[in-house]
PDB file of N, CA and C in Angstrom:
ATOM      1  N   UNK A   1      24.750  13.646  48.442  1.00  0.00           N
ATOM      2  CA  UNK A   1      25.951  14.242  48.963  1.00  0.00           C
ATOM      3  C   UNK A   1      26.886  14.599  47.803  1.00  0.00           C
ATOM      4  N   UNK A   2      27.496  15.768  47.878  1.00  0.00           N
ATOM      5  CA  UNK A   2      28.374  16.230  46.809  1.00  0.00           C
ATOM      6  C   UNK A   2      29.766  15.647  46.977  1.00  0.00           C
ATOM      7  N   UNK A   3      30.421  15.416  45.849  1.00  0.00           N
ATOM      8  CA  UNK A   3      31.789  14.922  45.915  1.00  0.00           C
ATOM      9  C   UNK A   3      32.737  16.090  46.165  1.00  0.00           C
ATOM     10  N   UNK A   4      33.992  15.778  46.420  1.00  0.00           N
ATOM     11  CA  UNK A   4      34.987  16.819  46.716  1.00  0.00           C
ATOM     12  C   UNK A   4      35.228  17.718  45.513  1.00  0.00           C
ATOM     13  N   UNK A   5      35.133  17.167  44.292  1.00  0.00           N
ATOM     14  CA  UNK A   5      35.332  17.974  43.089  1.00  0.00           C
ATOM     15  C   UNK A   5      34.220  18.991  42.921  1.00  0.00           C
ATOM     16  N   UNK A   6      32.998  18.637  43.221  1.00  0.00           N
ATOM     17  CA  UNK A   6      31.878  19.551  43.049  1.00  0.00           C
ATOM     18  C   UNK A   6      31.931  20.704  44.041  1.00  0.00           C
ATOM     19  N   UNK A   7      32.481  20.498  45.208  1.00  0.00           N
ATOM     20  CA  UNK A   7      32.562  21.550  46.208  1.00  0.00           C
ATOM     21  C   UNK A   7      33.566  22.629  45.799  1.00  0.00           C
ATOM     22  N   UNK A   8      34.576  22.286  44.989  1.00  0.00           N
ATOM     23  CA  UNK A   8      35.593  23.239  44.604  1.00  0.00           C
ATOM     24  C   UNK A   8      35.267  23.981  43.313  1.00  0.00           C
ATOM     25  N   UNK A   9      34.174  23.666  42.677  1.00  0.00           N
ATOM     26  CA  UNK A   9      33.796  24.365  41.452  1.00  0.00           C
ATOM     27  C   UNK A   9      33.407  25.798  41.770  1.00  0.00           C
ATOM     28  N   UNK A  10      33.871  26.741  40.956  1.00  0.00           N
ATOM     29  CA  UNK A  10      33.521  28.142  41.222  1.00  0.00           C
ATOM     30  C   UNK A  10      32.046  28.402  40.972  1.00  0.00           C
ATOM     31  N   UNK A  11      31.532  29.363  41.667  1.00  0.00           N
ATOM     32  CA  UNK A  11      30.131  29.756  41.504  1.00  0.00           C
ATOM     33  C   UNK A  11      30.092  30.908  40.502  1.00  0.00           C
ATOM     34  N   UNK A  12      29.981  30.564  39.245  1.00  0.00           N
ATOM     35  CA  UNK A  12      30.092  31.545  38.172  1.00  0.00           C
ATOM     36  C   UNK A  12      29.032  32.633  38.246  1.00  0.00           C
ATOM     37  N   UNK A  13      27.803  32.282  38.557  1.00  0.00           N
ATOM     38  CA  UNK A  13      26.742  33.291  38.606  1.00  0.00           C
ATOM     39  C   UNK A  13      26.958  34.275  39.750  1.00  0.00           C
ATOM     40  N   UNK A  14      27.442  33.785  40.879  1.00  0.00           N
ATOM     41  CA  UNK A  14      27.722  34.682  41.999  1.00  0.00           C
ATOM     42  C   UNK A  14      28.857  35.641  41.658  1.00  0.00           C
ATOM     43  N   UNK A  15      29.909  35.121  41.037  1.00  0.00           N
ATOM     44  CA  UNK A  15      31.032  35.969  40.637  1.00  0.00           C
ATOM     45  C   UNK A  15      30.580  36.967  39.580  1.00  0.00           C
ATOM     46  N   UNK A  16      29.766  36.536  38.630  1.00  0.00           N
ATOM     47  CA  UNK A  16      29.238  37.444  37.611  1.00  0.00           C
ATOM     48  C   UNK A  16      28.427  38.558  38.266  1.00  0.00           C
ATOM     49  N   UNK A  17      27.578  38.195  39.223  1.00  0.00           N
ATOM     50  CA  UNK A  17      26.774  39.201  39.914  1.00  0.00           C
ATOM     51  C   UNK A  17      27.667  40.167  40.697  1.00  0.00           C
ATOM     52  N   UNK A  18      28.704  39.655  41.342  1.00  0.00           N
ATOM     53  CA  UNK A  18      29.637  40.505  42.081  1.00  0.00           C
ATOM     54  C   UNK A  18      30.363  41.461  41.131  1.00  0.00           C
ATOM     55  N   UNK A  19      30.765  40.965  39.961  1.00  0.00           N
ATOM     56  CA  UNK A  19      31.397  41.833  38.964  1.00  0.00           C
ATOM     57  C   UNK A  19      30.425  42.898  38.464  1.00  0.00           C
ATOM     58  N   UNK A  20      29.166  42.540  38.305  1.00  0.00           N
ATOM     59  CA  UNK A  20      28.146  43.507  37.894  1.00  0.00           C
ATOM     60  C   UNK A  20      27.980  44.595  38.951  1.00  0.00           C
ATOM     61  N   UNK A  21      27.930  44.202  40.205  1.00  0.00           N
ATOM     62  CA  UNK A  21      27.790  45.175  41.290  1.00  0.00           C
ATOM     63  C   UNK A  21      29.015  46.087  41.351  1.00  0.00           C
ATOM     64  N   UNK A  22      30.200  45.516  41.217  1.00  0.00           N
ATOM     65  CA  UNK A  22      31.418  46.332  41.228  1.00  0.00           C
ATOM     66  C   UNK A  22      31.438  47.307  40.053  1.00  0.00           C
ATOM     67  N   UNK A  23      30.946  46.887  38.902  1.00  0.00           N
ATOM     68  CA  UNK A  23      30.875  47.783  37.748  1.00  0.00           C
ATOM     69  C   UNK A  23      29.898  48.921  38.011  1.00  0.00           C
ATOM     70  N   UNK A  24      28.771  48.601  38.622  1.00  0.00           N
ATOM     71  CA  UNK A  24      27.807  49.658  38.950  1.00  0.00           C
ATOM     72  C   UNK A  24      28.383  50.625  39.977  1.00  0.00           C
ATOM     73  N   UNK A  25      29.150  50.110  40.932  1.00  0.00           N
ATOM     74  CA  UNK A  25      29.820  50.971  41.909  1.00  0.00           C
ATOM     75  C   UNK A  25      30.824  51.874  41.197  1.00  0.00           C
ATOM     76  N   UNK A  26      31.577  51.310  40.248  1.00  0.00           N
ATOM     77  CA  UNK A  26      32.536  52.117  39.491  1.00  0.00           C
ATOM     78  C   UNK A  26      31.852  53.244  38.734  1.00  0.00           C
ATOM     79  N   UNK A  27      30.750  52.933  38.085  1.00  0.00           N
ATOM     80  CA  UNK A  27      30.016  53.968  37.342  1.00  0.00           C
ATOM     81  C   UNK A  27      29.489  55.017  38.307  1.00  0.00           C
ATOM     82  N   UNK A  28      28.969  54.594  39.450  1.00  0.00           N
ATOM     83  CA  UNK A  28      28.475  55.543  40.444  1.00  0.00           C
ATOM     84  C   UNK A  28      29.574  56.438  40.979  1.00  0.00           C
ATOM     85  N   UNK A  29      30.730  55.846  41.260  1.00  0.00           N
ATOM     86  CA  UNK A  29      31.860  56.625  41.777  1.00  0.00           C
ATOM     87  C   UNK A  29      32.353  57.603  40.713  1.00  0.00           C
ATOM     88  N   UNK A  30      32.345  57.185  39.452  1.00  0.00           N
ATOM     89  CA  UNK A  30      32.827  58.051  38.376  1.00  0.00           C
ATOM     90  C   UNK A  30      31.973  59.298  38.231  1.00  0.00           C
ATOM     91  N   UNK A  31      30.696  59.198  38.560  1.00  0.00           N
ATOM     92  CA  UNK A  31      29.808  60.351  38.442  1.00  0.00           C
ATOM     93  C   UNK A  31      29.792  61.234  39.688  1.00  0.00           C
ATOM     94  N   UNK A  32      30.521  60.833  40.735  1.00  0.00           N
ATOM     95  CA  UNK A  32      30.605  61.670  41.924  1.00  0.00           C
ATOM     96  C   UNK A  32      31.642  62.763  41.678  1.00  0.00           C
ATOM     97  N   UNK A  33      31.181  63.943  41.372  1.00  0.00           N
ATOM     98  CA  UNK A  33      32.103  65.013  40.990  1.00  0.00           C
ATOM     99  C   UNK A  33      32.689  65.728  42.204  1.00  0.00           C
ATOM    100  N   UNK A  34      32.147  65.516  43.402  1.00  0.00           N
ATOM    101  CA  UNK A  34      32.650  66.225  44.571  1.00  0.00           C
ATOM    102  C   UNK A  34      33.898  65.578  45.181  1.00  0.00           C
ATOM    103  N   UNK A  35      34.278  64.401  44.702  1.00  0.00           N
ATOM    104  CA  UNK A  35      35.487  63.753  45.190  1.00  0.00           C
ATOM    105  C   UNK A  35      36.723  64.399  44.563  1.00  0.00           C
ATOM    106  N   UNK A  36      37.800  64.522  45.323  1.00  0.00           N
ATOM    107  CA  UNK A  36      39.053  65.009  44.724  1.00  0.00           C
ATOM    108  C   UNK A  36      39.512  64.039  43.625  1.00  0.00           C
ATOM    109  N   UNK A  37      40.122  64.593  42.604  1.00  0.00           N
ATOM    110  CA  UNK A  37      40.514  63.792  41.432  1.00  0.00           C
ATOM    111  C   UNK A  37      41.442  62.632  41.809  1.00  0.00           C
ATOM    112  N   UNK A  38      42.394  62.880  42.688  1.00  0.00           N
ATOM    113  CA  UNK A  38      43.329  61.832  43.087  1.00  0.00           C
ATOM    114  C   UNK A  38      42.597  60.688  43.793  1.00  0.00           C
ATOM    115  N   UNK A  39      41.691  61.012  44.688  1.00  0.00           N
ATOM    116  CA  UNK A  39      40.927  59.989  45.395  1.00  0.00           C
ATOM    117  C   UNK A  39      40.033  59.214  44.427  1.00  0.00           C
ATOM    118  N   UNK A  40      39.425  59.928  43.498  1.00  0.00           N
ATOM    119  CA  UNK A  40      38.568  59.292  42.504  1.00  0.00           C
ATOM    120  C   UNK A  40      39.359  58.273  41.688  1.00  0.00           C
ATOM    121  N   UNK A  41      40.543  58.667  41.248  1.00  0.00           N
ATOM    122  CA  UNK A  41      41.373  57.756  40.457  1.00  0.00           C
ATOM    123  C   UNK A  41      41.800  56.551  41.284  1.00  0.00           C
ATOM    124  N   UNK A  42      42.200  56.780  42.526  1.00  0.00           N
ATOM    125  CA  UNK A  42      42.617  55.664  43.383  1.00  0.00           C
ATOM    126  C   UNK A  42      41.485  54.686  43.633  1.00  0.00           C
ATOM    127  N   UNK A  43      40.287  55.192  43.862  1.00  0.00           N
ATOM    128  CA  UNK A  43      39.131  54.316  44.092  1.00  0.00           C
ATOM    129  C   UNK A  43      38.820  53.513  42.838  1.00  0.00           C
ATOM    130  N   UNK A  44      38.828  54.176  41.681  1.00  0.00           N
ATOM    131  CA  UNK A  44      38.515  53.473  40.436  1.00  0.00           C
ATOM    132  C   UNK A  44      39.576  52.427  40.098  1.00  0.00           C
ATOM    133  N   UNK A  45      40.837  52.745  40.326  1.00  0.00           N
ATOM    134  CA  UNK A  45      41.900  51.765  40.072  1.00  0.00           C
ATOM    135  C   UNK A  45      41.784  50.595  41.045  1.00  0.00           C
ATOM    136  N   UNK A  46      41.480  50.872  42.296  1.00  0.00           N
ATOM    137  CA  UNK A  46      41.290  49.806  43.276  1.00  0.00           C
ATOM    138  C   UNK A  46      40.147  48.876  42.905  1.00  0.00           C
ATOM    139  N   UNK A  47      39.032  49.446  42.465  1.00  0.00           N
ATOM    140  CA  UNK A  47      37.907  48.616  42.028  1.00  0.00           C
ATOM    141  C   UNK A  47      38.269  47.800  40.790  1.00  0.00           C
ATOM    142  N   UNK A  48      39.018  48.396  39.868  1.00  0.00           N
ATOM    143  CA  UNK A  48      39.433  47.671  38.665  1.00  0.00           C
ATOM    144  C   UNK A  48      40.363  46.514  39.014  1.00  0.00           C
ATOM    145  N   UNK A  49      41.256  46.739  39.962  1.00  0.00           N
ATOM    146  CA  UNK A  49      42.154  45.656  40.390  1.00  0.00           C
ATOM    147  C   UNK A  49      41.362  44.545  41.059  1.00  0.00           C
ATOM    148  N   UNK A  50      40.377  44.910  41.860  1.00  0.00           N
ATOM    149  CA  UNK A  50      39.526  43.917  42.511  1.00  0.00           C
ATOM    150  C   UNK A  50      38.797  43.074  41.458  1.00  0.00           C
ATOM    151  N   UNK A  51      38.236  43.735  40.451  1.00  0.00           N
ATOM    152  CA  UNK A  51      37.530  43.013  39.398  1.00  0.00           C
ATOM    153  C   UNK A  51      38.483  42.124  38.603  1.00  0.00           C
ATOM    154  N   UNK A  52      39.660  42.621  38.278  1.00  0.00           N
ATOM    155  CA  UNK A  52      40.631  41.821  37.526  1.00  0.00           C
ATOM    156  C   UNK A  52      41.056  40.598  38.329  1.00  0.00           C
ATOM    157  N   UNK A  53      41.199  40.766  39.637  1.00  0.00           N
ATOM    158  CA  UNK A  53      41.559  39.637  40.488  1.00  0.00           C
ATOM    159  C   UNK A  53      40.465  38.576  40.495  1.00  0.00           C
ATOM    160  N   UNK A  54      39.222  39.004  40.583  1.00  0.00           N
ATOM    161  CA  UNK A  54      38.110  38.044  40.546  1.00  0.00           C
ATOM    162  C   UNK A  54      38.077  37.290  39.225  1.00  0.00           C
ATOM    163  N   UNK A  55      38.259  38.012  38.121  1.00  0.00           N
ATOM    164  CA  UNK A  55      38.258  37.357  36.808  1.00  0.00           C
ATOM    165  C   UNK A  55      39.399  36.363  36.714  1.00  0.00           C
ATOM    166  N   UNK A  56      40.582  36.762  37.151  1.00  0.00           N
ATOM    167  CA  UNK A  56      41.735  35.858  37.075  1.00  0.00           C
ATOM    168  C   UNK A  56      41.539  34.636  37.966  1.00  0.00           C
ATOM    169  N   UNK A  57      41.015  34.840  39.155  1.00  0.00           N
ATOM    170  CA  UNK A  57      40.868  33.724  40.086  1.00  0.00           C
ATOM    171  C   UNK A  57      39.809  32.721  39.648  1.00  0.00           C
ATOM    172  N   UNK A  58      38.659  33.222  39.163  1.00  0.00           N
ATOM    173  CA  UNK A  58      37.545  32.316  38.899  1.00  0.00           C
ATOM    174  C   UNK A  58      37.375  31.967  37.425  1.00  0.00           C
ATOM    175  N   UNK A  59      37.432  32.943  36.528  1.00  0.00           N
ATOM    176  CA  UNK A  59      37.205  32.644  35.121  1.00  0.00           C
ATOM    177  C   UNK A  59      38.454  32.138  34.425  1.00  0.00           C
ATOM    178  N   UNK A  60      39.639  32.487  34.949  1.00  0.00           N
ATOM    179  CA  UNK A  60      40.881  31.917  34.413  1.00  0.00           C
ATOM    180  C   UNK A  60      41.318  30.727  35.263  1.00  0.00           C
ATOM    181  N   UNK A  61      40.541  30.388  36.276  1.00  0.00           N
ATOM    182  CA  UNK A  61      40.733  29.216  37.138  1.00  0.00           C
ATOM    183  C   UNK A  61      42.064  29.217  37.888  1.00  0.00           C
ATOM    184  N   UNK A  62      42.616  30.394  38.164  1.00  0.00           N
ATOM    185  CA  UNK A  62      43.878  30.439  38.890  1.00  0.00           C
ATOM    186  C   UNK A  62      43.713  30.035  40.350  1.00  0.00           C
ATOM    187  N   UNK A  63      42.516  30.160  40.878  1.00  0.00           N
ATOM    188  CA  UNK A  63      42.286  29.777  42.267  1.00  0.00           C
ATOM    189  C   UNK A  63      42.486  28.282  42.474  1.00  0.00           C
ATOM    190  N   UNK A  64      42.293  27.529  41.422  1.00  0.00           N
ATOM    191  CA  UNK A  64      42.351  26.075  41.538  1.00  0.00           C
ATOM    192  C   UNK A  64      43.636  25.495  40.945  1.00  0.00           C
ATOM    193  N   UNK A  65      44.583  26.344  40.603  1.00  0.00           N
ATOM    194  CA  UNK A  65      45.843  25.884  40.010  1.00  0.00           C
ATOM    195  C   UNK A  65      46.935  25.787  41.068  1.00  0.00           C
ATOM    196  N   UNK A  66      48.032  25.186  40.678  1.00  0.00           N
ATOM    197  CA  UNK A  66      49.193  25.109  41.556  1.00  0.00           C
ATOM    198  C   UNK A  66      49.873  26.461  41.630  1.00  0.00           C
ATOM    199  N   UNK A  67      50.702  26.635  42.615  1.00  0.00           N
ATOM    200  CA  UNK A  67      51.370  27.910  42.852  1.00  0.00           C
ATOM    201  C   UNK A  67      52.229  28.347  41.673  1.00  0.00           C
ATOM    202  N   UNK A  68      52.898  27.414  41.020  1.00  0.00           N
ATOM    203  CA  UNK A  68      53.783  27.815  39.921  1.00  0.00           C
ATOM    204  C   UNK A  68      53.005  28.390  38.738  1.00  0.00           C
ATOM    205  N   UNK A  69      51.806  27.915  38.493  1.00  0.00           N
ATOM    206  CA  UNK A  69      50.983  28.480  37.419  1.00  0.00           C
ATOM    207  C   UNK A  69      50.516  29.883  37.804  1.00  0.00           C
ATOM    208  N   UNK A  70      50.184  30.071  39.064  1.00  0.00           N
ATOM    209  CA  UNK A  70      49.777  31.391  39.541  1.00  0.00           C
ATOM    210  C   UNK A  70      50.942  32.367  39.423  1.00  0.00           C
ATOM    211  N   UNK A  71      52.132  31.930  39.801  1.00  0.00           N
ATOM    212  CA  UNK A  71      53.310  32.789  39.674  1.00  0.00           C
ATOM    213  C   UNK A  71      53.608  33.114  38.218  1.00  0.00           C
ATOM    214  N   UNK A  72      53.420  32.158  37.343  1.00  0.00           N
ATOM    215  CA  UNK A  72      53.642  32.383  35.920  1.00  0.00           C
ATOM    216  C   UNK A  72      52.650  33.415  35.376  1.00  0.00           C
ATOM    217  N   UNK A  73      51.416  33.359  35.832  1.00  0.00           N
ATOM    218  CA  UNK A  73      50.401  34.298  35.350  1.00  0.00           C
ATOM    219  C   UNK A  73      50.581  35.693  35.940  1.00  0.00           C
ATOM    220  N   UNK A  74      51.104  35.784  37.148  1.00  0.00           N
ATOM    221  CA  UNK A  74      51.232  37.091  37.806  1.00  0.00           C
ATOM    222  C   UNK A  74      52.620  37.707  37.669  1.00  0.00           C
ATOM    223  N   UNK A  75      53.564  37.002  37.086  1.00  0.00           N
ATOM    224  CA  UNK A  75      54.928  37.522  36.951  1.00  0.00           C
ATOM    225  C   UNK A  75      55.015  38.817  36.145  1.00  0.00           C
ATOM    226  N   UNK A  76      54.225  39.034  35.100  1.00  0.00           N
ATOM    227  CA  UNK A  76      54.337  40.287  34.329  1.00  0.00           C
ATOM    228  C   UNK A  76      53.767  41.520  35.039  1.00  0.00           C
ATOM    229  N   UNK A  77      53.087  41.351  36.150  1.00  0.00           N
ATOM    230  CA  UNK A  77      52.456  42.486  36.824  1.00  0.00           C
ATOM    231  C   UNK A  77      53.470  43.548  37.257  1.00  0.00           C
ATOM    232  N   UNK A  78      54.602  43.197  37.878  1.00  0.00           N
ATOM    233  CA  UNK A  78      55.568  44.257  38.231  1.00  0.00           C
ATOM    234  C   UNK A  78      56.074  45.036  37.010  1.00  0.00           C
ATOM    235  N   UNK A  79      56.294  44.351  35.900  1.00  0.00           N
ATOM    236  CA  UNK A  79      56.724  45.044  34.691  1.00  0.00           C
ATOM    237  C   UNK A  79      55.650  46.011  34.209  1.00  0.00           C
ATOM    238  N   UNK A  80      54.394  45.588  34.255  1.00  0.00           N
ATOM    239  CA  UNK A  80      53.306  46.475  33.848  1.00  0.00           C
ATOM    240  C   UNK A  80      53.236  47.700  34.746  1.00  0.00           C
ATOM    241  N   UNK A  81      53.433  47.506  36.046  1.00  0.00           N
ATOM    242  CA  UNK A  81      53.416  48.640  36.980  1.00  0.00           C
ATOM    243  C   UNK A  81      54.555  49.600  36.678  1.00  0.00           C
ATOM    244  N   UNK A  82      55.740  49.063  36.405  1.00  0.00           N
ATOM    245  CA  UNK A  82      56.888  49.916  36.077  1.00  0.00           C
ATOM    246  C   UNK A  82      56.618  50.709  34.804  1.00  0.00           C
ATOM    247  N   UNK A  83      56.062  50.061  33.793  1.00  0.00           N
ATOM    248  CA  UNK A  83      55.783  50.756  32.539  1.00  0.00           C
ATOM    249  C   UNK A  83      54.725  51.850  32.717  1.00  0.00           C
ATOM    250  N   UNK A  84      53.678  51.565  33.474  1.00  0.00           N
ATOM    251  CA  UNK A  84      52.637  52.575  33.715  1.00  0.00           C
ATOM    252  C   UNK A  84      53.214  53.741  34.508  1.00  0.00           C
ATOM    253  N   UNK A  85      54.004  53.460  35.531  1.00  0.00           N
ATOM    254  CA  UNK A  85      54.630  54.539  36.300  1.00  0.00           C
ATOM    255  C   UNK A  85      55.573  55.363  35.433  1.00  0.00           C
ATOM    256  N   UNK A  86      56.299  54.710  34.529  1.00  0.00           N
ATOM    257  CA  UNK A  86      57.178  55.441  33.624  1.00  0.00           C
ATOM    258  C   UNK A  86      56.418  56.397  32.736  1.00  0.00           C
ATOM    259  N   UNK A  87      55.285  55.960  32.215  1.00  0.00           N
ATOM    260  CA  UNK A  87      54.462  56.834  31.372  1.00  0.00           C
ATOM    261  C   UNK A  87      53.881  57.978  32.193  1.00  0.00           C
ATOM    262  N   UNK A  88      53.402  57.673  33.387  1.00  0.00           N
ATOM    263  CA  UNK A  88      52.824  58.726  34.238  1.00  0.00           C
ATOM    264  C   UNK A  88      53.879  59.754  34.631  1.00  0.00           C
ATOM    265  N   UNK A  89      55.076  59.304  34.949  1.00  0.00           N
ATOM    266  CA  UNK A  89      56.151  60.254  35.312  1.00  0.00           C
ATOM    267  C   UNK A  89      56.575  61.085  34.112  1.00  0.00           C
ATOM    268  N   UNK A  90      56.486  60.528  32.927  1.00  0.00           N
ATOM    269  CA  UNK A  90      56.821  61.289  31.724  1.00  0.00           C
ATOM    270  C   UNK A  90      55.827  62.425  31.511  1.00  0.00           C
ATOM    271  N   UNK A  91      54.559  62.179  31.776  1.00  0.00           N
ATOM    272  CA  UNK A  91      53.539  63.220  31.651  1.00  0.00           C
ATOM    273  C   UNK A  91      53.660  64.270  32.761  1.00  0.00           C
ATOM    274  N   UNK A  92      54.170  63.867  33.923  1.00  0.00           N
ATOM    275  CA  UNK A  92      54.269  64.780  35.053  1.00  0.00           C
ATOM    276  C   UNK A  92      55.343  65.836  34.818  1.00  0.00           C
ATOM    277  N   UNK A  93      56.301  65.567  33.962  1.00  0.00           N
ATOM    278  CA  UNK A  93      57.384  66.521  33.722  1.00  0.00           C
ATOM    279  C   UNK A  93      56.965  67.502  32.736  1.00  0.00           C
TER     280      UNK A  93
END
């Protein structure tokens, strides 16, 4: 019988395989030239966010941390979004 600590350990190989599949999906989507450019970018960004979330949750062990550590790790995200939007709006003008 497994102890409570062993049940909460992340399944690294499964997460690695999921990241591999998501990467292959990203490459496949990138080569689909019939998609509108805006949709293509949104899909690729969504997949990248999904992959980054998996890495943060399992390989950075945020899934098993207290809420304050998770908040500390995710606090810079709004600033990054503001900076990226600022750069994109600068190019749009």
